[in-house]
Amino acid sequence: MPAPGARGGTNREVAAQLFLSVKTIEMHLGRVYRKLGVRSRTQLANLLRDKEVA
């Protein structure tokens, strides 16, 4: 099951779905971006898609 952010939702939509603040979503996405070496949600989604195919 893909993460809510990987399904194309905005930070606000993801925060509402998970009952978290937008700032919390932004913080966690920033950490994920740094860890995986990506700079955008699009790059993250492409990376996750490529990992599923492999």
Protein backbone atom coordinates (compact mmCIF):
# COMPACT_ATOMS: atom_id res chain seq x y z
CA MET A 1 0.00 0.00 0.00
CA PRO A 2 1.56 3.32 -1.03
CA ALA A 3 2.09 6.10 1.45
CA PRO A 4 -0.53 8.88 1.30
CA GLY A 5 2.00 11.36 -0.11
CA ALA A 6 2.97 8.96 -2.87
CA ARG A 7 -0.63 8.91 -4.10
CA GLY A 8 -0.47 12.52 -5.22
CA GLY A 9 -2.13 14.29 -2.31
CA THR A 10 -1.04 17.71 -1.14
CA ASN A 11 0.63 18.15 2.23
CA ARG A 12 -2.65 19.55 3.54
CA GLU A 13 -4.63 16.53 2.27
CA VAL A 14 -2.12 14.05 3.69
CA ALA A 15 -2.14 15.86 7.05
CA ALA A 16 -5.93 15.72 7.20
CA GLN A 17 -5.99 12.00 6.35
CA LEU A 18 -3.45 11.20 9.05
CA PHE A 19 -4.76 13.71 11.64
CA LEU A 20 -1.39 15.51 11.73
CA SER A 21 -0.33 19.09 11.13
CA VAL A 22 0.95 20.25 7.75
CA LYS A 23 4.27 21.17 9.43
CA THR A 24 4.66 17.58 10.65
CA ILE A 25 4.13 16.26 7.11
CA GLU A 26 6.63 18.79 5.72
CA MET A 27 9.21 17.82 8.36
CA HIS A 28 8.91 14.11 7.67
CA LEU A 29 8.94 14.56 3.89
CA GLY A 30 12.09 16.69 4.20
CA ARG A 31 13.79 13.92 6.16
CA VAL A 32 12.74 11.30 3.61
CA TYR A 33 13.96 13.50 0.74
CA ARG A 34 17.39 13.92 2.35
CA LYS A 35 17.70 10.23 3.19
CA LEU A 36 16.79 9.09 -0.32
CA GLY A 37 18.59 11.90 -2.15
CA VAL A 38 15.52 13.34 -3.88
CA ARG A 39 14.41 16.95 -4.14
CA SER A 40 10.70 16.73 -4.89
CA ARG A 41 7.57 14.68 -4.40
CA THR A 42 7.73 13.78 -8.11
CA GLN A 43 11.23 12.34 -7.72
CA LEU A 44 10.08 10.46 -4.62
CA ALA A 45 7.09 8.97 -6.45
CA ASN A 46 9.31 7.95 -9.39
CA LEU A 47 11.81 6.32 -7.04
CA LEU A 48 9.05 4.38 -5.24
CA ARG A 49 7.51 3.33 -8.56
CA ASP A 50 10.90 2.10 -9.84
CA LYS A 51 11.46 0.12 -6.62
CA GLU A 52 8.04 -1.58 -7.02
CA VAL A 53 8.82 -2.62 -10.60
CA ALA A 54 12.25 -4.02 -9.75
